[in-house]
Amino acid sequence: MERKGFQKDVKRIVESTSEQCMAALQANAGQLGDVRNSNMEALTSNEKIALELRTALRQVLISTKDVL
């Protein structure tokens, strides 16, 4: 929680909407190759996905990197 930029990321995540989630799903649904390559790391840099959602995914990766 004290990581530099964490509060900014949380604010961006809170601003995400269900419409952005649906748009991200629709942007990838049924497109050959996208589903196969839509692992969480790839999604964090996918510009079709809203910045707020990419930020949320990045935070999940950071928060769980040492959890097995």
Protein backbone atom coordinates (compact mmCIF):
# COMPACT_ATOMS: atom_id res chain seq x y z
CA MET A 1 0.00 0.00 0.00
CA GLU A 2 2.96 2.29 0.40
CA ARG A 3 4.37 1.46 -3.03
CA LYS A 4 4.93 4.55 -5.16
CA GLY A 5 1.91 5.06 -7.42
CA PHE A 6 -0.35 2.63 -5.55
CA GLN A 7 -2.90 5.25 -4.49
CA LYS A 8 -3.06 6.60 -8.05
CA ASP A 9 -3.69 3.08 -9.34
CA VAL A 10 -6.42 2.46 -6.75
CA LYS A 11 -8.15 5.68 -7.78
CA ARG A 12 -8.02 4.62 -11.45
CA ILE A 13 -9.37 1.15 -10.57
CA VAL A 14 -12.27 2.62 -8.61
CA GLU A 15 -13.20 4.70 -11.64
CA SER A 16 -13.60 1.64 -13.88
CA THR A 17 -17.10 0.76 -15.05
CA SER A 18 -19.01 -2.38 -15.95
CA GLU A 19 -19.31 -0.98 -19.48
CA GLN A 20 -15.52 -1.01 -19.75
CA CYS A 21 -15.47 -4.66 -18.63
CA MET A 22 -18.08 -5.57 -21.24
CA ALA A 23 -16.22 -3.67 -23.96
CA ALA A 24 -13.00 -5.50 -23.09
CA LEU A 25 -14.76 -8.85 -23.28
CA GLN A 26 -16.43 -7.97 -26.58
CA ALA A 27 -13.14 -6.73 -28.04
CA ASN A 28 -11.57 -10.15 -27.44
CA ALA A 29 -14.55 -12.47 -27.83
CA GLY A 30 -14.44 -14.79 -30.79
CA GLN A 31 -11.24 -13.46 -32.30
CA LEU A 32 -8.86 -16.25 -33.11
CA GLY A 33 -5.58 -15.77 -31.32
CA ASP A 34 -6.81 -13.13 -28.89
CA VAL A 35 -8.21 -15.61 -26.40
CA ARG A 36 -5.14 -17.78 -26.66
CA ASN A 37 -2.88 -14.80 -26.03
CA SER A 38 -5.07 -13.03 -23.48
CA ASN A 39 -3.16 -14.00 -20.39
CA MET A 40 -3.14 -11.40 -17.67
CA GLU A 41 0.28 -10.03 -18.62
CA ALA A 42 -0.76 -9.59 -22.25
CA LEU A 43 -4.00 -7.88 -21.25
CA THR A 44 -2.15 -5.26 -19.19
CA SER A 45 -0.62 -3.90 -22.39
CA ASN A 46 -3.63 -4.39 -24.68
CA GLU A 47 -4.77 -0.92 -25.75
CA LYS A 48 -8.25 -2.28 -26.60
CA ILE A 49 -8.78 -2.62 -22.85
CA ALA A 50 -9.62 0.45 -20.78
CA LEU A 51 -6.70 1.89 -18.83
CA GLU A 52 -8.60 1.38 -15.57
CA LEU A 53 -8.94 -2.35 -16.22
CA ARG A 54 -5.33 -2.69 -17.33
CA THR A 55 -4.33 -0.99 -14.09
CA ALA A 56 -6.44 -3.42 -12.08
CA LEU A 57 -4.89 -6.41 -13.84
CA ARG A 58 -1.40 -5.04 -13.26
CA GLN A 59 -2.14 -4.63 -9.56
CA VAL A 60 -3.32 -8.25 -9.34
CA LEU A 61 -0.04 -9.35 -10.92
CA ILE A 62 2.02 -7.23 -8.55
CA SER A 63 0.03 -8.32 -5.49
CA THR A 64 0.19 -12.03 -6.26
CA LYS A 65 3.67 -12.39 -7.77
CA ASP A 66 5.04 -14.25 -4.72
CA VAL A 67 1.91 -16.25 -3.92
CA LEU A 68 2.03 -19.90 -4.91
